[in-house]
Structure formats: C-alpha cells, structure tokens
Amino acid sequence: MTGCRSVGVCNILPVSGLSLRVKIKFLLFFVLFFAGGSVSFADSLQVHTSLFGVYGNYSSGVVSKAGSAFITISYNYRHHFTLGYDYLTLKAEGWDYTQRTTLAGASLMFDPLYIKASYGRINGDFKDFSGYTSEDGTNIYSGEVILRTGAAYLGAGVNFVDLNSYFKRKNYQFVARFDYYYGYLWYLSVKPVVSLLDTRNPYSAVPEKETKTLFSVGAKFNYLLAPGWVAKFSGALGRRNGCYDNDLLSIYNQTEDQLSHFSAGVEWYPSYLTAKTAVSLGWQFNQFDGYDVNYLIAGLKISW
C-alpha cells in the first residue's frame, strides 16, 4: 500500500516513461523559466512542499514503513502541478517487500470548470529467505472533470489501474464526486466508486479470467476547531480493490479486497494568519479480507 495519507493531510500532467531524475530536471526548468520571465509572473508562482511518514501494523504480523515527499508548483493559486515520490517496505517472518512509487499530475481551474489528471508508476520487489525473488509493476491513470455550482462541486472521473506481476489485473474505477465548502468552517466530500476488476493468472494450469464488480462509498469531513487547528476525518464502506484517491495521490494496492476504512487526524498551522507551515498527525484503520491494518501518520507541509 502506498501513500496512506488518507487523514486528508495532502493535496495533479502525465509524464509516463520519464525517470524521476528527468522529472526533477523538467520541474527545475519549469521554475527557472517562469521565474526568469518577469517579476510579476514570478510573483504569481507558489511552491508547496510536503513530507509524510507512515507506520503500519498488520493483524497478520506484517509491519510496513513508508516515507513520501511532494512538491507542488501553483500559478495564481489556480493551476497546480505536482510531483511525488513514495518509498515503502513490508517485513514479515520469512519475506520482505520493497515498493517505489512516482506520481505526477495537474489540477487546472477554469471556474466554474475544473480538470484533474494524474499518473503514477509503482515498482515492487519481493524476496523470501529461500532466495526466491519477483518483481511487479503498476501504472495508474486518472482523469476527472468537476463543475462548481455555488459552494458545491460535482464531478465525474475514471481511474485505470494496470497491474503486472505473477498475475495480471486491470481495474476500471468510475468515480462520482460531491464536495461542499461551508466557508472556512467545514468541508464535506462524498465519493461513490464502482470498480470493474479483471484478474488473470497466466501461470496457472487453467489461466481463467475472473471479473467482478465492486461498489463503495467514501467520505471526508474537515472542521475548523479553532484558528490554526483543523480536525480531519475520513471513512469508506463497501467492497473495493486498488482504490486510487486523486486528491491525496494515494492508492491501496493490496491484493485483497478492502471492506472498510476510517481515519481521524488533526492539522496545526503554527502561524494561521499566513498558513505557511502545517504539522499533521493521524491514525487510520483499514479492514481487508482476512486481516486489519492500523496506520500512524505524521506530516509536515511548508509553502514558500
């Protein structure tokens, strides 16, 4: 599982096929080009960075540790371009697994129309104490169109998650969105998701195809407790698999179906008048077929 920041403590141009180094060079070119164009244009750019650490405890005895970093370039607080990287390890008695995730995307605002698109690439390495090793790779494609009407936002999008490992899995996720902002006091987001899951095991004696349809509903709720303090909650009910969140740029890519999810956290802005820095802490519970996972999450966000 990557990027389990579903406490809501994070915020995307497909750059498929580029290495992380090339992406960073592209981002630096982007910043230098526009910053050098004119003083007024440079003043319209904002840079936001964030770091997250996650510790996971599985009821099956597995322990996960992950760290991620994101950088976002914003233009006039309207258009946002983000690059992210996540490194995760899973350790259990007899085996371990390492996963590296690169993410890129854009969020464009042409009020009242909004467009979101993102791409992710996951590479994983498995090995056990007998010396057996295997690799897997996953591509994530996501697109969404959102329409604002007053304080409400209505959206529809599609996520496509393509997994290649010892079995192949194609996951088509059709997502609806209803977001509502009550000024600065609270925010509510509800997302129903219908997933069409196509799984094949080409290495079995009879490589049969398994197709199933899953349905779940997820929700997020943020509330301003006091100046500089925001409480954040999220939850989901229903059966889902490989569910991708294009707001948080995170995915639950466990093999088993996810049955429920709940998280609670708090975000603190030391200087709430400028909101340049934010510190977040959270807890998250996830129920999968056969086991549960508890996560502890810490984050730091700085705007420049």
C-alpha atoms as a PDB file:
ATOM      1  CA  MET A   1       0.000   0.000   0.000  1.00  0.00           C
ATOM      2  CA  THR A   2       1.371   3.396  -0.887  1.00  0.00           C
ATOM      3  CA  GLY A   3       0.720   6.914   0.226  1.00  0.00           C
ATOM      4  CA  CYS A   4      -1.718   6.074   3.034  1.00  0.00           C
ATOM      5  CA  ARG A   5      -2.238   9.712   3.917  1.00  0.00           C
ATOM      6  CA  SER A   6      -5.995   9.424   3.884  1.00  0.00           C
ATOM      7  CA  VAL A   7      -6.234  11.513   7.009  1.00  0.00           C
ATOM      8  CA  GLY A   8      -6.612  14.231   4.417  1.00  0.00           C
ATOM      9  CA  VAL A   9      -3.274  15.861   5.033  1.00  0.00           C
ATOM     10  CA  CYS A  10      -2.142  16.117   1.400  1.00  0.00           C
ATOM     11  CA  ASN A  11      -3.387  17.548  -1.840  1.00  0.00           C
ATOM     12  CA  ILE A  12      -2.055  16.973 -10.008  1.00  0.00           C
ATOM     13  CA  LEU A  13       0.381  16.133 -16.376  1.00  0.00           C
ATOM     14  CA  PRO A  14       1.081  12.671 -17.158  1.00  0.00           C
ATOM     15  CA  VAL A  15       4.853  12.213 -17.529  1.00  0.00           C
ATOM     16  CA  SER A  16       4.788   8.483 -18.278  1.00  0.00           C
ATOM     17  CA  GLY A  17       8.108   6.875 -19.112  1.00  0.00           C
ATOM     18  CA  LEU A  18      10.314   9.592 -17.657  1.00  0.00           C
ATOM     19  CA  SER A  19      12.685   8.765 -14.846  1.00  0.00           C
ATOM     20  CA  LEU A  20      12.453  10.658 -11.571  1.00  0.00           C
ATOM     21  CA  ARG A  21      15.684  12.470 -12.460  1.00  0.00           C
ATOM     22  CA  VAL A  22      14.233  13.686 -15.766  1.00  0.00           C
ATOM     23  CA  LYS A  23      11.056  14.780 -13.993  1.00  0.00           C
ATOM     24  CA  ILE A  24      13.063  16.806 -11.484  1.00  0.00           C
ATOM     25  CA  LYS A  25      15.042  18.425 -14.311  1.00  0.00           C
ATOM     26  CA  PHE A  26      11.758  19.287 -16.028  1.00  0.00           C
ATOM     27  CA  LEU A  27      10.408  20.822 -12.821  1.00  0.00           C
ATOM     28  CA  LEU A  28      13.559  22.897 -12.276  1.00  0.00           C
ATOM     29  CA  PHE A  29      13.374  24.109 -15.876  1.00  0.00           C
ATOM     30  CA  PHE A  30       9.714  24.994 -15.334  1.00  0.00           C
ATOM     31  CA  VAL A  31      10.505  27.034 -12.226  1.00  0.00           C
ATOM     32  CA  LEU A  32      13.570  28.802 -13.652  1.00  0.00           C
ATOM     33  CA  PHE A  33      11.910  29.567 -16.981  1.00  0.00           C
ATOM     34  CA  PHE A  34       8.863  31.202 -15.491  1.00  0.00           C
ATOM     35  CA  ALA A  35      10.691  32.817 -12.591  1.00  0.00           C
ATOM     36  CA  GLY A  36      13.078  34.469 -15.047  1.00  0.00           C
ATOM     37  CA  GLY A  37      10.344  35.583 -17.460  1.00  0.00           C
ATOM     38  CA  SER A  38       9.174  38.583 -15.479  1.00  0.00           C
ATOM     39  CA  VAL A  39       8.989  39.709 -11.913  1.00  0.00           C
ATOM     40  CA  SER A  40       5.191  39.926 -11.986  1.00  0.00           C
ATOM     41  CA  PHE A  41       4.869  36.385 -13.350  1.00  0.00           C
ATOM     42  CA  ALA A  42       7.329  35.012 -10.809  1.00  0.00           C
ATOM     43  CA  ASP A  43       5.324  36.644  -8.049  1.00  0.00           C
ATOM     44  CA  SER A  44       2.314  34.656  -9.258  1.00  0.00           C
ATOM     45  CA  LEU A  45       4.056  31.327  -8.615  1.00  0.00           C
ATOM     46  CA  GLN A  46       3.772  29.479  -5.329  1.00  0.00           C
ATOM     47  CA  VAL A  47       5.795  26.465  -4.193  1.00  0.00           C
ATOM     48  CA  HIS A  48       4.392  23.955  -1.698  1.00  0.00           C
ATOM     49  CA  THR A  49       6.389  21.062  -0.258  1.00  0.00           C
ATOM     50  CA  SER A  50       5.241  18.238   1.995  1.00  0.00           C
ATOM     51  CA  LEU A  51       6.807  15.256   3.763  1.00  0.00           C
ATOM     52  CA  PHE A  52       4.973  12.265   5.260  1.00  0.00           C
ATOM     53  CA  GLY A  53       5.950   9.282   7.366  1.00  0.00           C
ATOM     54  CA  VAL A  54       3.704   6.229   7.859  1.00  0.00           C
ATOM     55  CA  TYR A  55       3.976   3.237  10.178  1.00  0.00           C
ATOM     56  CA  GLY A  56       1.607   0.314   9.622  1.00  0.00           C
ATOM     57  CA  ASN A  57       0.822  -2.649  11.865  1.00  0.00           C
ATOM     58  CA  TYR A  58      -0.994  -5.614  10.242  1.00  0.00           C
ATOM     59  CA  SER A  59      -3.028  -8.066  12.322  1.00  0.00           C
ATOM     60  CA  SER A  60      -1.243 -10.814  10.355  1.00  0.00           C
ATOM     61  CA  GLY A  61       2.119  -9.718  11.807  1.00  0.00           C
ATOM     62  CA  VAL A  62       3.373  -7.689   8.838  1.00  0.00           C
ATOM     63  CA  VAL A  63       4.979  -4.302   9.568  1.00  0.00           C
ATOM     64  CA  SER A  64       5.077  -1.503   6.998  1.00  0.00           C
ATOM     65  CA  LYS A  65       7.116   1.687   6.964  1.00  0.00           C
ATOM     66  CA  ALA A  66       6.832   4.408   4.337  1.00  0.00           C
ATOM     67  CA  GLY A  67       8.097   7.890   3.593  1.00  0.00           C
ATOM     68  CA  SER A  68       6.954  10.257   0.863  1.00  0.00           C
ATOM     69  CA  ALA A  69       7.782  13.720  -0.472  1.00  0.00           C
ATOM     70  CA  PHE A  70       5.765  16.032  -2.710  1.00  0.00           C
ATOM     71  CA  ILE A  71       6.413  19.358  -4.423  1.00  0.00           C
ATOM     72  CA  THR A  72       3.670  21.454  -5.997  1.00  0.00           C
ATOM     73  CA  ILE A  73       4.067  24.496  -8.236  1.00  0.00           C
ATOM     74  CA  SER A  74       0.966  26.703  -8.282  1.00  0.00           C
ATOM     75  CA  TYR A  75       0.153  29.589 -10.605  1.00  0.00           C
ATOM     76  CA  ASN A  76      -2.085  32.271  -9.082  1.00  0.00           C
ATOM     77  CA  TYR A  77      -3.455  29.605  -6.726  1.00  0.00           C
ATOM     78  CA  ARG A  78      -5.490  28.334  -9.696  1.00  0.00           C
ATOM     79  CA  HIS A  79      -3.386  25.788 -11.568  1.00  0.00           C
ATOM     80  CA  HIS A  80      -1.325  23.214  -9.650  1.00  0.00           C
ATOM     81  CA  PHE A  81       1.406  20.856 -10.906  1.00  0.00           C
ATOM     82  CA  THR A  82       2.669  18.170  -8.532  1.00  0.00           C
ATOM     83  CA  LEU A  83       5.467  15.601  -8.410  1.00  0.00           C
ATOM     84  CA  GLY A  84       5.679  12.996  -5.658  1.00  0.00           C
ATOM     85  CA  TYR A  85       7.769  10.035  -4.582  1.00  0.00           C
ATOM     86  CA  ASP A  86       6.935   7.323  -2.039  1.00  0.00           C
ATOM     87  CA  TYR A  87       9.182   4.566  -0.653  1.00  0.00           C
ATOM     88  CA  LEU A  88       7.621   1.686   1.280  1.00  0.00           C
ATOM     89  CA  THR A  89       8.857  -1.508   2.929  1.00  0.00           C
ATOM     90  CA  LEU A  90       6.871  -4.505   4.200  1.00  0.00           C
ATOM     91  CA  LYS A  91       8.523  -7.021   6.511  1.00  0.00           C
ATOM     92  CA  ALA A  92       7.168 -10.322   7.806  1.00  0.00           C
ATOM     93  CA  GLU A  93       8.576 -13.579   9.090  1.00  0.00           C
ATOM     94  CA  GLY A  94      10.164 -15.201   6.060  1.00  0.00           C
ATOM     95  CA  TRP A  95       9.837 -12.444   3.468  1.00  0.00           C
ATOM     96  CA  ASP A  96      10.064  -8.730   2.735  1.00  0.00           C
ATOM     97  CA  TYR A  97       8.821  -6.395   0.031  1.00  0.00           C
ATOM     98  CA  THR A  98      10.060  -3.005  -1.214  1.00  0.00           C
ATOM     99  CA  GLN A  99       7.941  -0.603  -3.230  1.00  0.00           C
ATOM    100  CA  ARG A 100       8.797   2.656  -5.027  1.00  0.00           C
ATOM    101  CA  THR A 101       6.078   4.961  -6.345  1.00  0.00           C
ATOM    102  CA  THR A 102       6.438   8.020  -8.578  1.00  0.00           C
ATOM    103  CA  LEU A 103       3.445  10.304  -9.107  1.00  0.00           C
ATOM    104  CA  ALA A 104       2.769  13.324 -11.313  1.00  0.00           C
ATOM    105  CA  GLY A 105      -0.299  15.336 -12.128  1.00  0.00           C
ATOM    106  CA  ALA A 106      -2.131  18.589 -12.642  1.00  0.00           C
ATOM    107  CA  SER A 107      -5.212  20.344 -11.319  1.00  0.00           C
ATOM    108  CA  LEU A 108      -6.471  23.143 -13.577  1.00  0.00           C
ATOM    109  CA  MET A 109      -9.137  25.697 -12.665  1.00  0.00           C
ATOM    110  CA  PHE A 110     -11.268  27.405 -15.314  1.00  0.00           C
ATOM    111  CA  ASP A 111     -14.028  28.368 -12.912  1.00  0.00           C
ATOM    112  CA  PRO A 112     -16.682  27.009 -12.793  1.00  0.00           C
ATOM    113  CA  LEU A 113     -14.963  24.111 -14.606  1.00  0.00           C
ATOM    114  CA  TYR A 114     -12.076  22.174 -13.052  1.00  0.00           C
ATOM    115  CA  ILE A 115      -9.913  19.463 -14.628  1.00  0.00           C
ATOM    116  CA  LYS A 116      -7.774  16.952 -12.731  1.00  0.00           C
ATOM    117  CA  ALA A 117      -5.359  14.440 -14.270  1.00  0.00           C
ATOM    118  CA  SER A 118      -2.622  12.288 -12.742  1.00  0.00           C
ATOM    119  CA  TYR A 119      -0.287   9.405 -13.491  1.00  0.00           C
ATOM    120  CA  GLY A 120       1.514   7.025 -11.161  1.00  0.00           C
ATOM    121  CA  ARG A 121       4.086   4.276 -11.561  1.00  0.00           C
ATOM    122  CA  ILE A 122       4.685   1.635  -8.880  1.00  0.00           C
ATOM    123  CA  ASN A 123       7.647  -0.772  -8.919  1.00  0.00           C
ATOM    124  CA  GLY A 124       7.868  -3.538  -6.335  1.00  0.00           C
ATOM    125  CA  ASP A 125      10.458  -6.174  -5.376  1.00  0.00           C
ATOM    126  CA  PHE A 126       9.610  -9.287  -3.350  1.00  0.00           C
ATOM    127  CA  LYS A 127      12.053 -11.749  -1.811  1.00  0.00           C
ATOM    128  CA  ASP A 128      11.879 -14.512   0.768  1.00  0.00           C
ATOM    129  CA  PHE A 129      14.541 -16.208   2.865  1.00  0.00           C
ATOM    130  CA  SER A 130      14.746 -19.144   0.433  1.00  0.00           C
ATOM    131  CA  GLY A 131      16.193 -16.789  -2.167  1.00  0.00           C
ATOM    132  CA  TYR A 132      13.080 -16.538  -4.339  1.00  0.00           C
ATOM    133  CA  THR A 133      12.540 -13.078  -5.865  1.00  0.00           C
ATOM    134  CA  SER A 134       9.882 -11.477  -8.041  1.00  0.00           C
ATOM    135  CA  GLU A 135       9.055  -8.049  -9.417  1.00  0.00           C
ATOM    136  CA  ASP A 136       5.822  -6.255 -10.172  1.00  0.00           C
ATOM    137  CA  GLY A 137       4.829  -3.033 -11.874  1.00  0.00           C
ATOM    138  CA  THR A 138       1.669  -0.953 -11.785  1.00  0.00           C
ATOM    139  CA  ASN A 139       0.557   2.002 -13.899  1.00  0.00           C
ATOM    140  CA  ILE A 140      -2.125   4.392 -12.644  1.00  0.00           C
ATOM    141  CA  TYR A 141      -4.051   6.738 -14.949  1.00  0.00           C
ATOM    142  CA  SER A 142      -6.658   9.158 -13.634  1.00  0.00           C
ATOM    143  CA  GLY A 143      -8.846  11.905 -15.077  1.00  0.00           C
ATOM    144  CA  GLU A 144     -11.761  13.899 -13.697  1.00  0.00           C
ATOM    145  CA  VAL A 145     -13.971  16.851 -14.648  1.00  0.00           C
ATOM    146  CA  ILE A 146     -15.549  18.943 -11.876  1.00  0.00           C
ATOM    147  CA  LEU A 147     -18.254  21.617 -12.105  1.00  0.00           C
ATOM    148  CA  ARG A 148     -18.771  24.221  -9.391  1.00  0.00           C
ATOM    149  CA  THR A 149     -22.243  25.473  -8.570  1.00  0.00           C
ATOM    150  CA  GLY A 150     -22.198  27.904  -5.665  1.00  0.00           C
ATOM    151  CA  ALA A 151     -20.351  26.266  -2.775  1.00  0.00           C
ATOM    152  CA  ALA A 152     -20.879  22.758  -4.180  1.00  0.00           C
ATOM    153  CA  TYR A 153     -18.642  20.850  -6.582  1.00  0.00           C
ATOM    154  CA  LEU A 154     -19.984  17.996  -8.734  1.00  0.00           C
ATOM    155  CA  GLY A 155     -17.544  15.729 -10.529  1.00  0.00           C
ATOM    156  CA  ALA A 156     -17.151  12.541 -12.529  1.00  0.00           C
ATOM    157  CA  GLY A 157     -13.946  10.709 -13.320  1.00  0.00           C
ATOM    158  CA  VAL A 158     -12.254   7.463 -14.264  1.00  0.00           C
ATOM    159  CA  ASN A 159      -9.212   5.741 -12.760  1.00  0.00           C
ATOM    160  CA  PHE A 160      -7.441   2.898 -14.553  1.00  0.00           C
ATOM    161  CA  VAL A 161      -5.036   0.756 -12.510  1.00  0.00           C
ATOM    162  CA  ASP A 162      -2.995  -1.749 -14.553  1.00  0.00           C
ATOM    163  CA  LEU A 163      -1.016  -4.321 -12.523  1.00  0.00           C
ATOM    164  CA  ASN A 164       1.552  -6.719 -13.975  1.00  0.00           C
ATOM    165  CA  SER A 165       3.035  -9.320 -11.623  1.00  0.00           C
ATOM    166  CA  TYR A 166       2.657 -13.092 -11.230  1.00  0.00           C
ATOM    167  CA  PHE A 167      -0.960 -12.349 -12.143  1.00  0.00           C
ATOM    168  CA  LYS A 168      -2.391  -9.529 -14.234  1.00  0.00           C
ATOM    169  CA  ARG A 169      -5.099  -7.209 -13.002  1.00  0.00           C
ATOM    170  CA  LYS A 170      -6.948  -4.410 -14.767  1.00  0.00           C
ATOM    171  CA  ASN A 171      -9.079  -2.166 -12.581  1.00  0.00           C
ATOM    172  CA  TYR A 172     -11.514   0.373 -14.041  1.00  0.00           C
ATOM    173  CA  GLN A 173     -12.866   2.733 -11.371  1.00  0.00           C
ATOM    174  CA  PHE A 174     -15.775   5.077 -12.132  1.00  0.00           C
ATOM    175  CA  VAL A 175     -15.949   7.828  -9.532  1.00  0.00           C
ATOM    176  CA  ALA A 176     -18.606  10.448  -8.773  1.00  0.00           C
ATOM    177  CA  ARG A 177     -17.948  13.436  -6.521  1.00  0.00           C
ATOM    178  CA  PHE A 178     -19.980  15.758  -4.320  1.00  0.00           C
ATOM    179  CA  ASP A 179     -17.962  18.370  -2.393  1.00  0.00           C
ATOM    180  CA  TYR A 180     -19.358  21.186  -0.286  1.00  0.00           C
ATOM    181  CA  TYR A 181     -17.484  24.060   1.402  1.00  0.00           C
ATOM    182  CA  TYR A 182     -19.233  25.889   4.232  1.00  0.00           C
ATOM    183  CA  GLY A 183     -16.962  28.918   4.143  1.00  0.00           C
ATOM    184  CA  TYR A 184     -13.792  28.248   6.119  1.00  0.00           C
ATOM    185  CA  LEU A 185     -15.640  26.373   8.864  1.00  0.00           C
ATOM    186  CA  TRP A 186     -16.131  22.896   7.397  1.00  0.00           C
ATOM    187  CA  TYR A 187     -15.774  20.828   4.245  1.00  0.00           C
ATOM    188  CA  LEU A 188     -17.554  17.626   3.164  1.00  0.00           C
ATOM    189  CA  SER A 189     -16.670  15.290   0.297  1.00  0.00           C
ATOM    190  CA  VAL A 190     -18.608  12.170  -0.742  1.00  0.00           C
ATOM    191  CA  LYS A 191     -17.356   9.808  -3.457  1.00  0.00           C
ATOM    192  CA  PRO A 192     -19.244   6.721  -4.674  1.00  0.00           C
ATOM    193  CA  VAL A 193     -16.981   4.330  -6.622  1.00  0.00           C
ATOM    194  CA  VAL A 194     -17.910   1.491  -8.982  1.00  0.00           C
ATOM    195  CA  SER A 195     -14.966  -0.780  -9.872  1.00  0.00           C
ATOM    196  CA  LEU A 196     -14.770  -3.328 -12.690  1.00  0.00           C
ATOM    197  CA  LEU A 197     -11.975  -5.748 -11.798  1.00  0.00           C
ATOM    198  CA  ASP A 198     -10.437  -8.101 -14.362  1.00  0.00           C
ATOM    199  CA  THR A 199      -7.887 -10.575 -12.950  1.00  0.00           C
ATOM    200  CA  ARG A 200      -5.900 -13.229 -14.833  1.00  0.00           C
ATOM    201  CA  ASN A 201      -3.248 -15.689 -13.636  1.00  0.00           C
ATOM    202  CA  PRO A 202      -1.244 -16.654 -16.730  1.00  0.00           C
ATOM    203  CA  TYR A 203       0.891 -19.108 -14.739  1.00  0.00           C
ATOM    204  CA  SER A 204      -1.921 -21.347 -13.512  1.00  0.00           C
ATOM    205  CA  ALA A 205      -2.708 -24.665 -15.189  1.00  0.00           C
ATOM    206  CA  VAL A 206      -6.010 -23.179 -16.355  1.00  0.00           C
ATOM    207  CA  PRO A 207      -5.476 -19.416 -16.805  1.00  0.00           C
ATOM    208  CA  GLU A 208      -9.072 -18.433 -16.175  1.00  0.00           C
ATOM    209  CA  LYS A 209     -10.275 -14.860 -16.176  1.00  0.00           C
ATOM    210  CA  GLU A 210     -12.080 -13.548 -13.117  1.00  0.00           C
ATOM    211  CA  THR A 211     -14.269 -10.469 -13.484  1.00  0.00           C
ATOM    212  CA  LYS A 212     -16.178  -8.836 -10.667  1.00  0.00           C
ATOM    213  CA  THR A 213     -17.930  -5.558  -9.923  1.00  0.00           C
ATOM    214  CA  LEU A 214     -17.320  -3.749  -6.627  1.00  0.00           C
ATOM    215  CA  PHE A 215     -19.096  -0.767  -5.052  1.00  0.00           C
ATOM    216  CA  SER A 216     -18.098   1.503  -2.183  1.00  0.00           C
ATOM    217  CA  VAL A 217     -18.770   4.983  -0.836  1.00  0.00           C
ATOM    218  CA  GLY A 218     -16.049   7.133   0.701  1.00  0.00           C
ATOM    219  CA  ALA A 219     -16.390  10.399   2.618  1.00  0.00           C
ATOM    220  CA  LYS A 220     -14.128  13.093   4.081  1.00  0.00           C
ATOM    221  CA  PHE A 221     -15.012  15.774   6.614  1.00  0.00           C
ATOM    222  CA  ASN A 222     -12.788  18.645   7.784  1.00  0.00           C
ATOM    223  CA  TYR A 223     -13.761  21.021  10.589  1.00  0.00           C
ATOM    224  CA  LEU A 224     -12.075  24.192  11.864  1.00  0.00           C
ATOM    225  CA  LEU A 225     -11.768  23.616  15.611  1.00  0.00           C
ATOM    226  CA  ALA A 226     -10.068  26.938  16.369  1.00  0.00           C
ATOM    227  CA  PRO A 227      -7.833  29.368  14.497  1.00  0.00           C
ATOM    228  CA  GLY A 228      -4.932  27.271  13.199  1.00  0.00           C
ATOM    229  CA  TRP A 229      -6.446  23.883  14.170  1.00  0.00           C
ATOM    230  CA  VAL A 230      -8.313  21.634  11.711  1.00  0.00           C
ATOM    231  CA  ALA A 231      -9.823  18.235  12.551  1.00  0.00           C
ATOM    232  CA  LYS A 232      -9.930  15.750   9.661  1.00  0.00           C
ATOM    233  CA  PHE A 233     -11.964  12.575   9.320  1.00  0.00           C
ATOM    234  CA  SER A 234     -12.476  10.094   6.503  1.00  0.00           C
ATOM    235  CA  GLY A 235     -14.205   6.778   6.043  1.00  0.00           C
ATOM    236  CA  ALA A 236     -15.397   4.255   3.472  1.00  0.00           C
ATOM    237  CA  LEU A 237     -17.833   1.361   3.421  1.00  0.00           C
ATOM    238  CA  GLY A 238     -18.368  -1.275   0.768  1.00  0.00           C
ATOM    239  CA  ARG A 239     -16.039  -3.550  -1.135  1.00  0.00           C
ATOM    240  CA  ARG A 240     -13.212  -2.034  -3.183  1.00  0.00           C
ATOM    241  CA  ASN A 241      -9.820  -3.081  -4.527  1.00  0.00           C
ATOM    242  CA  GLY A 242      -6.844  -0.975  -5.571  1.00  0.00           C
ATOM    243  CA  CYS A 243      -8.811   2.185  -4.860  1.00  0.00           C
ATOM    244  CA  TYR A 244      -6.986   5.333  -6.038  1.00  0.00           C
ATOM    245  CA  ASP A 245      -7.546   8.771  -4.479  1.00  0.00           C
ATOM    246  CA  ASN A 246      -6.753  11.530  -6.997  1.00  0.00           C
ATOM    247  CA  ASP A 247      -6.932  14.207  -4.280  1.00  0.00           C
ATOM    248  CA  LEU A 248      -4.324  12.639  -2.000  1.00  0.00           C
ATOM    249  CA  LEU A 249      -2.427  10.829  -4.780  1.00  0.00           C
ATOM    250  CA  SER A 250      -2.608   7.608  -2.789  1.00  0.00           C
ATOM    251  CA  ILE A 251      -3.641   4.046  -3.544  1.00  0.00           C
ATOM    252  CA  TYR A 252      -4.500   0.944  -1.545  1.00  0.00           C
ATOM    253  CA  ASN A 253      -2.844  -1.650  -3.751  1.00  0.00           C
ATOM    254  CA  GLN A 254      -3.128  -4.684  -1.504  1.00  0.00           C
ATOM    255  CA  THR A 255      -4.215  -7.828  -3.335  1.00  0.00           C
ATOM    256  CA  GLU A 256      -7.190  -8.458  -1.052  1.00  0.00           C
ATOM    257  CA  ASP A 257     -10.455  -6.502  -1.208  1.00  0.00           C
ATOM    258  CA  GLN A 258     -10.804  -3.600   1.212  1.00  0.00           C
ATOM    259  CA  LEU A 259     -14.014  -3.779   3.257  1.00  0.00           C
ATOM    260  CA  SER A 260     -13.932  -0.631   5.395  1.00  0.00           C
ATOM    261  CA  HIS A 261     -11.770   2.337   6.300  1.00  0.00           C
ATOM    262  CA  PHE A 262     -11.750   5.035   8.981  1.00  0.00           C
ATOM    263  CA  SER A 263      -9.252   7.763   9.828  1.00  0.00           C
ATOM    264  CA  ALA A 264      -9.009  10.696  12.218  1.00  0.00           C
ATOM    265  CA  GLY A 265      -6.360  13.368  12.466  1.00  0.00           C
ATOM    266  CA  VAL A 266      -5.536  16.962  13.241  1.00  0.00           C
ATOM    267  CA  GLU A 267      -3.617  19.599  11.306  1.00  0.00           C
ATOM    268  CA  TRP A 268      -1.969  22.535  13.073  1.00  0.00           C
ATOM    269  CA  TYR A 269      -0.843  25.803  11.471  1.00  0.00           C
ATOM    270  CA  PRO A 270       1.636  27.489  13.860  1.00  0.00           C
ATOM    271  CA  SER A 271       1.056  30.821  12.124  1.00  0.00           C
ATOM    272  CA  TYR A 272      -2.516  30.535  10.926  1.00  0.00           C
ATOM    273  CA  LEU A 273      -2.597  34.083   9.531  1.00  0.00           C
ATOM    274  CA  THR A 274      -0.071  33.169   6.827  1.00  0.00           C
ATOM    275  CA  ALA A 275      -0.580  29.351   6.821  1.00  0.00           C
ATOM    276  CA  LYS A 276       2.969  28.855   5.558  1.00  0.00           C
ATOM    277  CA  THR A 277       3.614  25.770   7.693  1.00  0.00           C
ATOM    278  CA  ALA A 278       1.372  22.902   8.783  1.00  0.00           C
ATOM    279  CA  VAL A 279       2.025  19.894  11.009  1.00  0.00           C
ATOM    280  CA  SER A 280      -0.317  16.906  10.899  1.00  0.00           C
ATOM    281  CA  LEU A 281      -0.827  13.749  12.943  1.00  0.00           C
ATOM    282  CA  GLY A 282      -3.324  10.995  12.275  1.00  0.00           C
ATOM    283  CA  TRP A 283      -4.484   7.439  12.817  1.00  0.00           C
ATOM    284  CA  GLN A 284      -6.078   5.180  10.250  1.00  0.00           C
ATOM    285  CA  PHE A 285      -7.835   1.791  10.392  1.00  0.00           C
ATOM    286  CA  ASN A 286      -8.407  -0.440   7.361  1.00  0.00           C
ATOM    287  CA  GLN A 287     -10.206  -3.777   7.147  1.00  0.00           C
ATOM    288  CA  PHE A 288      -9.290  -6.157   4.330  1.00  0.00           C
ATOM    289  CA  ASP A 289     -10.347  -9.701   3.519  1.00  0.00           C
ATOM    290  CA  GLY A 290      -8.507 -11.742   6.160  1.00  0.00           C
ATOM    291  CA  TYR A 291      -6.709  -9.031   8.156  1.00  0.00           C
ATOM    292  CA  ASP A 292      -6.787  -5.472   9.540  1.00  0.00           C
ATOM    293  CA  VAL A 293      -4.205  -2.678   9.345  1.00  0.00           C
ATOM    294  CA  ASN A 294      -3.634   0.252  11.713  1.00  0.00           C
ATOM    295  CA  TYR A 295      -1.550   3.172  10.452  1.00  0.00           C
ATOM    296  CA  LEU A 296       0.080   6.090  12.265  1.00  0.00           C
ATOM    297  CA  ILE A 297       0.767   9.078  10.028  1.00  0.00           C
ATOM    298  CA  ALA A 298       2.820  12.263  10.511  1.00  0.00           C
ATOM    299  CA  GLY A 299       3.232  15.067   8.009  1.00  0.00           C
ATOM    300  CA  LEU A 300       4.892  18.441   7.502  1.00  0.00           C
ATOM    301  CA  LYS A 301       3.864  20.965   4.847  1.00  0.00           C
ATOM    302  CA  ILE A 302       5.727  24.171   4.010  1.00  0.00           C
ATOM    303  CA  SER A 303       4.724  26.849   1.490  1.00  0.00           C
ATOM    304  CA  TRP A 304       7.399  29.140   0.094  1.00  0.00           C
END
